[in-house]
Amino acid sequence: MSCPKCLLSLIENFKALPGIGEKTAERLAFAMIDFSEEKLDDFSKSVVDIKKKIRKCSLCGHITESELCDICRDKKRKRGVICVVEDSKSVILFEKNDVFDGKYHVLEGLISPYDGINPEDINIEKLLERIKTENIQEIIIALKPTLEGETTTLYILEFLKETNISVSKMAQGIPIGADIDYLDALTLEAAFVERKKIS
């Protein structure tokens, strides 16, 4: 492609994003040429801020700019229920669709021996600490219905079998192999309401 090096560099950087191919990267890069200097400054600042300011909540593992995320700081939320999710995208999805009013715990991955991901590689130990120190009555497991999701669920269940904590997982409306990120609000709500007790 015969164009300035800075534009080529921007196109390559856009291509590093998931789901962005050559054509889309070019379209985005050329669109930015017409941005005002103020808009470009704002855009670049937001990109830099993500790296500088975003951190993990010290309690639940969700993304935040503070020591604790907004959800963990919210005193109005149910304290006895923890919803266990794979990543922060799931938290944002559930919050956007207003289907859960308790607390969360972000695992930051799923157990997958095939990929070399073991229990100690994800945020399970912190969950077990919370169970010991917080007055938890129910754990809702909201993981992908995949082999990795089920393996992780069974691992968590093994640790909870000697406790009085009720364990449930999202139910109907979620097809096997589905990605939680792409479920609609009604399906998500039904999955929470009709969750099945598994322990």
N, C-alpha and C. Protein backbone atom coordinates (compact mmCIF):
# COMPACT_ATOMS: atom_id res chain seq x y z
N MET A 1 0.85 -1.19 0.00
CA MET A 1 0.00 0.00 0.00
C MET A 1 0.89 1.24 0.00
N SER A 2 0.59 2.17 -0.91
CA SER A 2 1.39 3.39 -1.01
C SER A 2 0.73 4.49 -0.18
N CYS A 3 1.16 4.60 1.08
CA CYS A 3 0.63 5.64 1.95
C CYS A 3 1.64 5.94 3.05
N PRO A 4 1.46 7.04 3.78
CA PRO A 4 2.43 7.42 4.81
C PRO A 4 2.65 6.33 5.86
N LYS A 5 3.88 6.28 6.37
CA LYS A 5 4.23 5.26 7.35
C LYS A 5 3.37 5.34 8.61
N CYS A 6 3.04 6.56 9.04
CA CYS A 6 2.24 6.72 10.26
C CYS A 6 0.85 6.11 10.08
N LEU A 7 0.30 6.23 8.85
CA LEU A 7 -1.01 5.64 8.57
C LEU A 7 -0.92 4.12 8.53
N LEU A 8 0.12 3.60 7.92
CA LEU A 8 0.35 2.15 7.89
C LEU A 8 0.48 1.60 9.31
N SER A 9 1.18 2.34 10.15
CA SER A 9 1.36 1.92 11.54
C SER A 9 0.02 1.87 12.27
N LEU A 10 -0.82 2.88 12.03
CA LEU A 10 -2.14 2.92 12.66
C LEU A 10 -3.00 1.74 12.19
N ILE A 11 -2.94 1.45 10.89
CA ILE A 11 -3.70 0.32 10.34
C ILE A 11 -3.26 -0.98 10.99
N GLU A 12 -1.96 -1.17 11.14
CA GLU A 12 -1.44 -2.38 11.78
C GLU A 12 -1.89 -2.49 13.23
N ASN A 13 -1.93 -1.35 13.93
CA ASN A 13 -2.38 -1.36 15.32
C ASN A 13 -3.86 -1.71 15.43
N PHE A 14 -4.66 -1.20 14.52
CA PHE A 14 -6.09 -1.55 14.53
C PHE A 14 -6.27 -3.05 14.26
N LYS A 15 -5.45 -3.60 13.38
CA LYS A 15 -5.55 -5.03 13.04
C LYS A 15 -5.24 -5.93 14.25
N ALA A 16 -4.56 -5.38 15.24
CA ALA A 16 -4.24 -6.16 16.44
C ALA A 16 -5.48 -6.36 17.32
N LEU A 17 -6.53 -5.59 17.07
CA LEU A 17 -7.76 -5.72 17.85
C LEU A 17 -8.56 -6.93 17.35
N PRO A 18 -9.27 -7.63 18.27
CA PRO A 18 -10.05 -8.80 17.86
C PRO A 18 -11.17 -8.42 16.89
N GLY A 19 -11.31 -9.22 15.84
CA GLY A 19 -12.38 -9.02 14.88
C GLY A 19 -12.12 -7.93 13.85
N ILE A 20 -10.95 -7.32 13.88
CA ILE A 20 -10.63 -6.25 12.93
C ILE A 20 -9.69 -6.79 11.85
N GLY A 21 -10.19 -6.83 10.63
CA GLY A 21 -9.38 -7.29 9.50
C GLY A 21 -8.77 -6.11 8.76
N GLU A 22 -8.12 -6.39 7.65
CA GLU A 22 -7.41 -5.38 6.86
C GLU A 22 -8.33 -4.24 6.42
N LYS A 23 -9.49 -4.59 5.83
CA LYS A 23 -10.40 -3.57 5.30
C LYS A 23 -10.94 -2.67 6.40
N THR A 24 -11.39 -3.28 7.50
CA THR A 24 -11.93 -2.49 8.62
C THR A 24 -10.85 -1.61 9.22
N ALA A 25 -9.64 -2.15 9.37
CA ALA A 25 -8.52 -1.38 9.92
C ALA A 25 -8.23 -0.16 9.05
N GLU A 26 -8.25 -0.35 7.73
CA GLU A 26 -8.02 0.77 6.80
C GLU A 26 -9.13 1.82 6.95
N ARG A 27 -10.38 1.35 7.01
CA ARG A 27 -11.51 2.27 7.13
C ARG A 27 -11.41 3.11 8.41
N LEU A 28 -11.06 2.45 9.53
CA LEU A 28 -10.93 3.16 10.81
C LEU A 28 -9.78 4.17 10.76
N ALA A 29 -8.66 3.75 10.20
CA ALA A 29 -7.49 4.63 10.13
C ALA A 29 -7.77 5.86 9.27
N PHE A 30 -8.40 5.66 8.11
CA PHE A 30 -8.71 6.79 7.23
C PHE A 30 -9.75 7.72 7.87
N ALA A 31 -10.68 7.14 8.67
CA ALA A 31 -11.68 7.96 9.36
C ALA A 31 -11.01 8.90 10.35
N MET A 32 -9.92 8.46 10.96
CA MET A 32 -9.25 9.26 11.97
C MET A 32 -8.51 10.45 11.37
N ILE A 33 -8.21 10.38 10.08
CA ILE A 33 -7.56 11.52 9.41
C ILE A 33 -8.46 12.76 9.50
N ASP A 34 -9.78 12.52 9.47
CA ASP A 34 -10.73 13.64 9.48
C ASP A 34 -11.11 14.09 10.89
N PHE A 35 -10.59 13.39 11.93
CA PHE A 35 -10.87 13.80 13.31
C PHE A 35 -10.22 15.17 13.58
N SER A 36 -10.85 15.97 14.40
CA SER A 36 -10.22 17.22 14.84
C SER A 36 -9.05 16.86 15.76
N GLU A 37 -8.13 17.81 15.94
CA GLU A 37 -6.99 17.56 16.82
C GLU A 37 -7.45 17.28 18.25
N GLU A 38 -8.51 18.00 18.65
CA GLU A 38 -9.06 17.80 20.00
C GLU A 38 -9.61 16.37 20.16
N LYS A 39 -10.32 15.92 19.13
CA LYS A 39 -10.89 14.56 19.18
C LYS A 39 -9.78 13.51 19.20
N LEU A 40 -8.74 13.72 18.40
CA LEU A 40 -7.61 12.78 18.38
C LEU A 40 -6.89 12.74 19.73
N ASP A 41 -6.73 13.92 20.34
CA ASP A 41 -6.09 13.99 21.66
C ASP A 41 -6.92 13.21 22.68
N ASP A 42 -8.23 13.38 22.61
CA ASP A 42 -9.14 12.69 23.54
C ASP A 42 -9.08 11.18 23.31
N PHE A 43 -9.03 10.79 22.03
CA PHE A 43 -8.97 9.37 21.67
C PHE A 43 -7.68 8.74 22.19
N SER A 44 -6.56 9.39 21.94
CA SER A 44 -5.27 8.84 22.35
C SER A 44 -5.16 8.81 23.87
N LYS A 45 -5.71 9.81 24.56
CA LYS A 45 -5.68 9.84 26.02
C LYS A 45 -6.46 8.66 26.60
N SER A 46 -7.62 8.37 26.00
CA SER A 46 -8.44 7.25 26.51
C SER A 46 -7.72 5.92 26.33
N VAL A 47 -6.96 5.78 25.24
CA VAL A 47 -6.18 4.55 25.02
C VAL A 47 -5.07 4.43 26.06
N VAL A 48 -4.36 5.52 26.31
CA VAL A 48 -3.27 5.52 27.30
C VAL A 48 -3.83 5.28 28.70
N ASP A 49 -4.98 5.91 29.00
CA ASP A 49 -5.59 5.77 30.34
C ASP A 49 -5.97 4.33 30.66
N ILE A 50 -6.38 3.57 29.65
CA ILE A 50 -6.74 2.17 29.88
C ILE A 50 -5.57 1.41 30.48
N LYS A 51 -4.38 1.68 29.95
CA LYS A 51 -3.18 0.99 30.45
C LYS A 51 -2.73 1.55 31.80
N LYS A 52 -2.84 2.86 31.97
CA LYS A 52 -2.33 3.50 33.17
C LYS A 52 -3.28 3.36 34.37
N LYS A 53 -4.59 3.42 34.12
CA LYS A 53 -5.54 3.54 35.23
C LYS A 53 -6.31 2.26 35.57
N ILE A 54 -6.53 1.40 34.58
CA ILE A 54 -7.33 0.21 34.84
C ILE A 54 -6.54 -0.79 35.68
N ARG A 55 -7.18 -1.30 36.72
CA ARG A 55 -6.58 -2.31 37.57
C ARG A 55 -7.66 -3.31 37.96
N LYS A 56 -7.27 -4.34 38.70
CA LYS A 56 -8.23 -5.34 39.16
C LYS A 56 -8.70 -4.99 40.57
N CYS A 57 -9.98 -5.12 40.81
CA CYS A 57 -10.54 -4.93 42.15
C CYS A 57 -9.85 -5.92 43.09
N SER A 58 -9.38 -5.45 44.22
CA SER A 58 -8.64 -6.32 45.15
C SER A 58 -9.53 -7.38 45.80
N LEU A 59 -10.86 -7.20 45.71
CA LEU A 59 -11.77 -8.17 46.31
C LEU A 59 -12.32 -9.16 45.28
N CYS A 60 -12.90 -8.65 44.20
CA CYS A 60 -13.60 -9.55 43.26
C CYS A 60 -12.85 -9.79 41.95
N GLY A 61 -11.86 -8.94 41.62
CA GLY A 61 -11.12 -9.13 40.37
C GLY A 61 -11.69 -8.41 39.16
N HIS A 62 -12.81 -7.67 39.34
CA HIS A 62 -13.40 -6.91 38.24
C HIS A 62 -12.51 -5.70 37.94
N ILE A 63 -12.61 -5.16 36.73
CA ILE A 63 -11.81 -4.00 36.37
C ILE A 63 -12.34 -2.74 37.07
N THR A 64 -11.40 -1.88 37.47
CA THR A 64 -11.76 -0.68 38.19
C THR A 64 -10.61 0.32 38.09
N GLU A 65 -10.85 1.54 38.53
CA GLU A 65 -9.78 2.53 38.63
C GLU A 65 -9.38 2.74 40.09
N SER A 66 -10.07 2.04 41.01
CA SER A 66 -9.82 2.19 42.44
C SER A 66 -9.40 0.86 43.04
N GLU A 67 -9.14 0.87 44.34
CA GLU A 67 -8.80 -0.36 45.05
C GLU A 67 -9.94 -1.36 44.96
N LEU A 68 -11.16 -0.86 45.18
CA LEU A 68 -12.37 -1.69 45.06
C LEU A 68 -13.23 -1.16 43.92
N CYS A 69 -13.90 -2.06 43.21
CA CYS A 69 -14.79 -1.64 42.12
C CYS A 69 -16.08 -1.05 42.69
N ASP A 70 -16.86 -0.38 41.83
CA ASP A 70 -18.11 0.24 42.25
C ASP A 70 -19.08 -0.79 42.85
N ILE A 71 -19.08 -1.99 42.30
CA ILE A 71 -20.02 -3.02 42.76
C ILE A 71 -19.67 -3.48 44.17
N CYS A 72 -18.40 -3.71 44.43
CA CYS A 72 -17.98 -4.14 45.77
C CYS A 72 -18.20 -3.04 46.80
N ARG A 73 -18.14 -1.77 46.37
CA ARG A 73 -18.35 -0.65 47.30
C ARG A 73 -19.82 -0.36 47.55
N ASP A 74 -20.69 -0.88 46.69
CA ASP A 74 -22.12 -0.57 46.77
C ASP A 74 -22.78 -1.32 47.94
N LYS A 75 -23.17 -0.58 48.97
CA LYS A 75 -23.75 -1.19 50.17
C LYS A 75 -25.19 -1.67 49.95
N LYS A 76 -25.82 -1.27 48.85
CA LYS A 76 -27.21 -1.66 48.58
C LYS A 76 -27.32 -3.05 47.96
N ARG A 77 -26.22 -3.58 47.48
CA ARG A 77 -26.26 -4.88 46.80
C ARG A 77 -26.32 -6.01 47.81
N LYS A 78 -26.93 -7.13 47.40
CA LYS A 78 -27.00 -8.32 48.26
C LYS A 78 -25.59 -8.80 48.57
N ARG A 79 -25.31 -9.02 49.84
CA ARG A 79 -23.96 -9.40 50.24
C ARG A 79 -23.79 -10.92 50.36
N GLY A 80 -24.88 -11.64 50.48
CA GLY A 80 -24.77 -13.08 50.72
C GLY A 80 -24.71 -13.93 49.46
N VAL A 81 -24.74 -13.28 48.29
CA VAL A 81 -24.76 -14.01 47.02
C VAL A 81 -23.61 -13.55 46.14
N ILE A 82 -22.83 -14.50 45.66
CA ILE A 82 -21.74 -14.19 44.74
C ILE A 82 -21.99 -14.91 43.41
N CYS A 83 -21.91 -14.14 42.33
CA CYS A 83 -22.01 -14.71 40.99
C CYS A 83 -20.59 -14.86 40.43
N VAL A 84 -20.20 -16.09 40.13
CA VAL A 84 -18.86 -16.37 39.63
C VAL A 84 -18.87 -16.33 38.10
N VAL A 85 -18.02 -15.46 37.55
CA VAL A 85 -17.96 -15.29 36.09
C VAL A 85 -16.52 -15.47 35.60
N GLU A 86 -16.39 -15.67 34.30
CA GLU A 86 -15.07 -15.88 33.72
C GLU A 86 -14.25 -14.60 33.65
N ASP A 87 -14.90 -13.50 33.20
CA ASP A 87 -14.16 -12.27 32.98
C ASP A 87 -15.03 -11.04 33.22
N SER A 88 -14.41 -9.88 33.16
CA SER A 88 -15.11 -8.62 33.42
C SER A 88 -16.17 -8.31 32.36
N LYS A 89 -15.99 -8.84 31.16
CA LYS A 89 -17.01 -8.62 30.12
C LYS A 89 -18.35 -9.19 30.56
N SER A 90 -18.34 -10.31 31.26
CA SER A 90 -19.58 -10.92 31.75
C SER A 90 -20.24 -10.03 32.80
N VAL A 91 -19.42 -9.45 33.70
CA VAL A 91 -19.97 -8.54 34.71
C VAL A 91 -20.66 -7.37 34.04
N ILE A 92 -19.99 -6.76 33.08
CA ILE A 92 -20.55 -5.61 32.37
C ILE A 92 -21.84 -5.98 31.65
N LEU A 93 -21.86 -7.16 31.05
CA LEU A 93 -23.05 -7.63 30.35
C LEU A 93 -24.22 -7.80 31.31
N PHE A 94 -23.99 -8.47 32.45
CA PHE A 94 -25.06 -8.69 33.43
C PHE A 94 -25.55 -7.37 34.00
N GLU A 95 -24.62 -6.45 34.26
CA GLU A 95 -25.00 -5.16 34.82
C GLU A 95 -25.79 -4.33 33.81
N LYS A 96 -25.39 -4.37 32.57
CA LYS A 96 -26.07 -3.62 31.51
C LYS A 96 -27.51 -4.09 31.36
N ASN A 97 -27.71 -5.41 31.55
CA ASN A 97 -29.05 -5.97 31.39
C ASN A 97 -29.82 -6.06 32.71
N ASP A 98 -29.18 -5.61 33.80
CA ASP A 98 -29.84 -5.51 35.11
C ASP A 98 -30.50 -6.83 35.54
N VAL A 99 -29.73 -7.92 35.50
CA VAL A 99 -30.29 -9.24 35.82
C VAL A 99 -29.83 -9.78 37.17
N PHE A 100 -28.93 -9.05 37.86
CA PHE A 100 -28.37 -9.57 39.11
C PHE A 100 -28.04 -8.41 40.05
N ASP A 101 -28.38 -8.56 41.33
CA ASP A 101 -28.14 -7.45 42.27
C ASP A 101 -27.25 -7.85 43.45
N GLY A 102 -26.47 -8.92 43.28
CA GLY A 102 -25.55 -9.33 44.31
C GLY A 102 -24.13 -8.90 43.97
N LYS A 103 -23.16 -9.65 44.49
CA LYS A 103 -21.75 -9.37 44.23
C LYS A 103 -21.21 -10.34 43.17
N TYR A 104 -20.05 -10.05 42.64
CA TYR A 104 -19.43 -10.89 41.62
C TYR A 104 -18.07 -11.40 42.08
N HIS A 105 -17.61 -12.43 41.38
CA HIS A 105 -16.21 -12.84 41.51
C HIS A 105 -15.72 -13.21 40.11
N VAL A 106 -14.66 -12.54 39.67
CA VAL A 106 -14.13 -12.73 38.32
C VAL A 106 -12.95 -13.70 38.38
N LEU A 107 -13.06 -14.81 37.67
CA LEU A 107 -12.02 -15.84 37.68
C LEU A 107 -10.82 -15.49 36.80
N GLU A 108 -11.05 -14.64 35.81
CA GLU A 108 -9.99 -14.27 34.85
C GLU A 108 -9.51 -15.49 34.07
N GLY A 109 -10.43 -16.34 33.69
CA GLY A 109 -10.09 -17.52 32.89
C GLY A 109 -10.84 -18.75 33.39
N LEU A 110 -10.65 -19.85 32.69
CA LEU A 110 -11.26 -21.13 33.05
C LEU A 110 -10.19 -22.21 33.06
N ILE A 111 -10.40 -23.21 33.90
CA ILE A 111 -9.45 -24.32 33.96
C ILE A 111 -9.47 -25.07 32.63
N SER A 112 -8.29 -25.26 32.07
CA SER A 112 -8.17 -25.96 30.79
C SER A 112 -6.81 -26.65 30.73
N PRO A 113 -6.72 -27.88 31.27
CA PRO A 113 -5.44 -28.60 31.26
C PRO A 113 -4.83 -28.72 29.86
N TYR A 114 -5.69 -28.85 28.85
CA TYR A 114 -5.22 -28.96 27.46
C TYR A 114 -4.40 -27.73 27.05
N ASP A 115 -4.84 -26.54 27.56
CA ASP A 115 -4.14 -25.30 27.25
C ASP A 115 -3.14 -24.92 28.33
N GLY A 116 -2.93 -25.81 29.29
CA GLY A 116 -1.98 -25.54 30.36
C GLY A 116 -2.48 -24.56 31.41
N ILE A 117 -3.81 -24.39 31.50
CA ILE A 117 -4.39 -23.47 32.49
C ILE A 117 -4.92 -24.30 33.66
N ASN A 118 -4.25 -24.20 34.79
CA ASN A 118 -4.60 -24.96 35.99
C ASN A 118 -5.32 -24.09 37.00
N PRO A 119 -5.90 -24.67 38.04
CA PRO A 119 -6.63 -23.87 39.04
C PRO A 119 -5.83 -22.71 39.62
N GLU A 120 -4.53 -22.93 39.82
CA GLU A 120 -3.71 -21.86 40.40
C GLU A 120 -3.44 -20.72 39.42
N ASP A 121 -3.78 -20.92 38.15
CA ASP A 121 -3.56 -19.89 37.14
C ASP A 121 -4.72 -18.90 37.04
N ILE A 122 -5.84 -19.22 37.68
CA ILE A 122 -6.99 -18.31 37.65
C ILE A 122 -7.33 -17.88 39.08
N ASN A 123 -8.32 -17.02 39.22
CA ASN A 123 -8.60 -16.35 40.50
C ASN A 123 -9.54 -17.16 41.40
N ILE A 124 -9.22 -18.44 41.62
CA ILE A 124 -10.07 -19.28 42.46
C ILE A 124 -9.70 -19.14 43.94
N GLU A 125 -8.42 -19.02 44.23
CA GLU A 125 -7.98 -18.95 45.63
C GLU A 125 -8.63 -17.77 46.36
N LYS A 126 -8.74 -16.64 45.67
CA LYS A 126 -9.38 -15.45 46.26
C LYS A 126 -10.86 -15.72 46.54
N LEU A 127 -11.51 -16.48 45.66
CA LEU A 127 -12.92 -16.84 45.87
C LEU A 127 -13.05 -17.67 47.14
N LEU A 128 -12.16 -18.63 47.33
CA LEU A 128 -12.20 -19.48 48.52
C LEU A 128 -11.95 -18.66 49.79
N GLU A 129 -11.09 -17.66 49.70
CA GLU A 129 -10.86 -16.76 50.83
C GLU A 129 -12.13 -15.99 51.17
N ARG A 130 -12.83 -15.50 50.14
CA ARG A 130 -14.07 -14.74 50.36
C ARG A 130 -15.12 -15.61 51.02
N ILE A 131 -15.18 -16.87 50.62
CA ILE A 131 -16.16 -17.80 51.20
C ILE A 131 -15.90 -17.99 52.69
N LYS A 132 -14.62 -17.99 53.06
CA LYS A 132 -14.26 -18.17 54.47
C LYS A 132 -14.53 -16.93 55.30
N THR A 133 -14.35 -15.75 54.70
CA THR A 133 -14.42 -14.51 55.48
C THR A 133 -15.74 -13.75 55.35
N GLU A 134 -16.49 -13.99 54.27
CA GLU A 134 -17.77 -13.30 54.08
C GLU A 134 -18.92 -14.25 54.41
N ASN A 135 -20.05 -13.69 54.75
CA ASN A 135 -21.22 -14.50 55.09
C ASN A 135 -21.98 -14.88 53.82
N ILE A 136 -21.44 -15.85 53.08
CA ILE A 136 -22.00 -16.24 51.79
C ILE A 136 -23.02 -17.36 51.95
N GLN A 137 -24.23 -17.13 51.42
CA GLN A 137 -25.27 -18.16 51.46
C GLN A 137 -25.42 -18.90 50.12
N GLU A 138 -25.10 -18.18 49.03
CA GLU A 138 -25.27 -18.80 47.71
C GLU A 138 -24.17 -18.37 46.75
N ILE A 139 -23.71 -19.33 45.98
CA ILE A 139 -22.79 -19.07 44.87
C ILE A 139 -23.54 -19.40 43.59
N ILE A 140 -23.60 -18.44 42.68
CA ILE A 140 -24.19 -18.68 41.35
C ILE A 140 -23.03 -18.80 40.36
N ILE A 141 -22.96 -19.92 39.69
CA ILE A 141 -21.89 -20.12 38.71
C ILE A 141 -22.42 -19.75 37.32
N ALA A 142 -21.84 -18.72 36.74
CA ALA A 142 -22.30 -18.21 35.45
C ALA A 142 -21.16 -18.30 34.44
N LEU A 143 -20.76 -19.53 34.15
CA LEU A 143 -19.67 -19.77 33.21
C LEU A 143 -20.19 -20.34 31.91
N LYS A 144 -19.38 -20.29 30.87
CA LYS A 144 -19.76 -20.86 29.57
C LYS A 144 -20.08 -22.34 29.72
N PRO A 145 -21.13 -22.82 29.06
CA PRO A 145 -21.45 -24.25 29.11
C PRO A 145 -20.54 -25.05 28.16
N THR A 146 -19.24 -24.98 28.44
CA THR A 146 -18.24 -25.70 27.64
C THR A 146 -17.50 -26.66 28.55
N LEU A 147 -16.61 -27.46 27.97
CA LEU A 147 -15.82 -28.39 28.77
C LEU A 147 -15.02 -27.64 29.83
N GLU A 148 -14.42 -26.50 29.44
CA GLU A 148 -13.63 -25.71 30.39
C GLU A 148 -14.51 -25.13 31.50
N GLY A 149 -15.71 -24.66 31.12
CA GLY A 149 -16.64 -24.12 32.11
C GLY A 149 -17.10 -25.18 33.09
N GLU A 150 -17.39 -26.37 32.58
CA GLU A 150 -17.85 -27.46 33.45
C GLU A 150 -16.72 -27.95 34.34
N THR A 151 -15.50 -28.01 33.82
CA THR A 151 -14.34 -28.43 34.61
C THR A 151 -14.13 -27.46 35.78
N THR A 152 -14.23 -26.17 35.49
CA THR A 152 -14.07 -25.15 36.52
C THR A 152 -15.19 -25.23 37.55
N THR A 153 -16.41 -25.47 37.09
CA THR A 153 -17.56 -25.62 38.00
C THR A 153 -17.35 -26.79 38.96
N LEU A 154 -16.92 -27.92 38.43
CA LEU A 154 -16.69 -29.11 39.26
C LEU A 154 -15.59 -28.87 40.28
N TYR A 155 -14.57 -28.13 39.89
CA TYR A 155 -13.47 -27.83 40.81
C TYR A 155 -13.97 -26.98 41.97
N ILE A 156 -14.78 -25.97 41.66
CA ILE A 156 -15.33 -25.10 42.71
C ILE A 156 -16.26 -25.91 43.62
N LEU A 157 -17.09 -26.77 43.02
CA LEU A 157 -18.02 -27.61 43.79
C LEU A 157 -17.28 -28.50 44.79
N GLU A 158 -16.14 -29.00 44.39
CA GLU A 158 -15.36 -29.88 45.25
C GLU A 158 -14.96 -29.16 46.54
N PHE A 159 -14.64 -27.89 46.43
CA PHE A 159 -14.25 -27.12 47.60
C PHE A 159 -15.45 -26.73 48.47
N LEU A 160 -16.63 -26.68 47.86
CA LEU A 160 -17.80 -26.22 48.59
C LEU A 160 -18.64 -27.35 49.18
N LYS A 161 -18.30 -28.60 48.88
CA LYS A 161 -19.17 -29.71 49.30
C LYS A 161 -19.24 -29.88 50.82
N GLU A 162 -18.24 -29.40 51.55
CA GLU A 162 -18.25 -29.50 53.01
C GLU A 162 -18.86 -28.27 53.67
N THR A 163 -19.38 -27.35 52.88
CA THR A 163 -19.99 -26.13 53.44
C THR A 163 -21.50 -26.20 53.33
N ASN A 164 -22.16 -25.21 53.93
CA ASN A 164 -23.63 -25.12 53.84
C ASN A 164 -24.06 -24.15 52.75
N ILE A 165 -23.14 -23.77 51.91
CA ILE A 165 -23.44 -22.80 50.86
C ILE A 165 -24.22 -23.47 49.73
N SER A 166 -25.31 -22.82 49.33
CA SER A 166 -26.10 -23.30 48.20
C SER A 166 -25.38 -22.89 46.91
N VAL A 167 -25.22 -23.85 46.00
CA VAL A 167 -24.55 -23.56 44.71
C VAL A 167 -25.54 -23.80 43.58
N SER A 168 -25.67 -22.80 42.72
CA SER A 168 -26.56 -22.95 41.56
C SER A 168 -25.83 -22.45 40.33
N LYS A 169 -26.37 -22.81 39.17
CA LYS A 169 -25.79 -22.27 37.93
C LYS A 169 -26.89 -21.87 36.98
N MET A 170 -26.55 -20.97 36.07
CA MET A 170 -27.55 -20.47 35.15
C MET A 170 -28.18 -21.61 34.37
N ALA A 171 -29.46 -21.46 34.10
CA ALA A 171 -30.22 -22.58 33.56
C ALA A 171 -30.65 -22.38 32.12
N GLN A 172 -31.94 -22.50 31.89
CA GLN A 172 -32.52 -22.58 30.55
C GLN A 172 -32.15 -21.41 29.65
N GLY A 173 -32.20 -21.71 28.38
CA GLY A 173 -31.99 -20.65 27.40
C GLY A 173 -30.55 -20.49 26.96
N ILE A 174 -29.63 -21.21 27.58
CA ILE A 174 -28.23 -21.10 27.17
C ILE A 174 -27.81 -22.39 26.48
N PRO A 175 -27.70 -22.37 25.17
CA PRO A 175 -27.33 -23.59 24.45
C PRO A 175 -25.90 -24.02 24.75
N ILE A 176 -25.64 -25.32 24.68
CA ILE A 176 -24.30 -25.85 24.90
C ILE A 176 -23.32 -25.20 23.92
N GLY A 177 -22.20 -24.75 24.44
CA GLY A 177 -21.18 -24.13 23.61
C GLY A 177 -21.40 -22.66 23.33
N ALA A 178 -22.52 -22.09 23.86
CA ALA A 178 -22.80 -20.67 23.59
C ALA A 178 -21.85 -19.77 24.36
N ASP A 179 -21.57 -18.61 23.78
CA ASP A 179 -20.74 -17.62 24.44
C ASP A 179 -21.66 -16.65 25.17
N ILE A 180 -21.48 -16.51 26.48
CA ILE A 180 -22.34 -15.65 27.30
C ILE A 180 -22.37 -14.23 26.77
N ASP A 181 -21.26 -13.77 26.17
CA ASP A 181 -21.17 -12.39 25.68
C ASP A 181 -22.27 -12.05 24.66
N TYR A 182 -22.80 -13.06 23.97
CA TYR A 182 -23.73 -12.79 22.87
C TYR A 182 -25.19 -13.10 23.22
N LEU A 183 -25.47 -13.35 24.49
CA LEU A 183 -26.84 -13.65 24.88
C LEU A 183 -27.63 -12.37 25.06
N ASP A 184 -28.93 -12.42 24.74
CA ASP A 184 -29.78 -11.24 24.90
C ASP A 184 -30.26 -11.13 26.34
N ALA A 185 -30.85 -9.98 26.67
CA ALA A 185 -31.27 -9.69 28.04
C ALA A 185 -32.30 -10.69 28.57
N LEU A 186 -33.28 -11.06 27.76
CA LEU A 186 -34.32 -11.98 28.21
C LEU A 186 -33.75 -13.36 28.52
N THR A 187 -32.85 -13.83 27.67
CA THR A 187 -32.21 -15.13 27.90
C THR A 187 -31.39 -15.10 29.19
N LEU A 188 -30.67 -14.02 29.39
CA LEU A 188 -29.86 -13.89 30.61
C LEU A 188 -30.74 -13.87 31.85
N GLU A 189 -31.82 -13.10 31.80
CA GLU A 189 -32.71 -13.00 32.95
C GLU A 189 -33.32 -14.35 33.27
N ALA A 190 -33.76 -15.07 32.23
CA ALA A 190 -34.35 -16.40 32.44
C ALA A 190 -33.33 -17.35 33.05
N ALA A 191 -32.08 -17.24 32.61
CA ALA A 191 -31.03 -18.11 33.13
C ALA A 191 -30.79 -17.87 34.62
N PHE A 192 -30.89 -16.61 35.04
CA PHE A 192 -30.71 -16.32 36.47
C PHE A 192 -31.93 -16.76 37.28
N VAL A 193 -33.11 -16.40 36.80
CA VAL A 193 -34.34 -16.73 37.53
C VAL A 193 -34.52 -18.24 37.66
N GLU A 194 -34.24 -18.98 36.60
CA GLU A 194 -34.45 -20.43 36.58
C GLU A 194 -33.18 -21.22 36.90
N ARG A 195 -32.22 -20.57 37.56
CA ARG A 195 -30.98 -21.27 37.87
C ARG A 195 -31.25 -22.53 38.68
N LYS A 196 -30.44 -23.53 38.45
CA LYS A 196 -30.61 -24.85 39.07
C LYS A 196 -29.63 -25.05 40.20
N LYS A 197 -30.14 -25.50 41.33
CA LYS A 197 -29.27 -25.81 42.47
C LYS A 197 -28.45 -27.05 42.14
N ILE A 198 -27.14 -26.97 42.34
CA ILE A 198 -26.28 -28.12 42.02
C ILE A 198 -25.51 -28.59 43.25
N SER A 199 -25.66 -27.89 44.38
CA SER A 199 -24.99 -28.31 45.60
C SER A 199 -25.67 -27.71 46.81
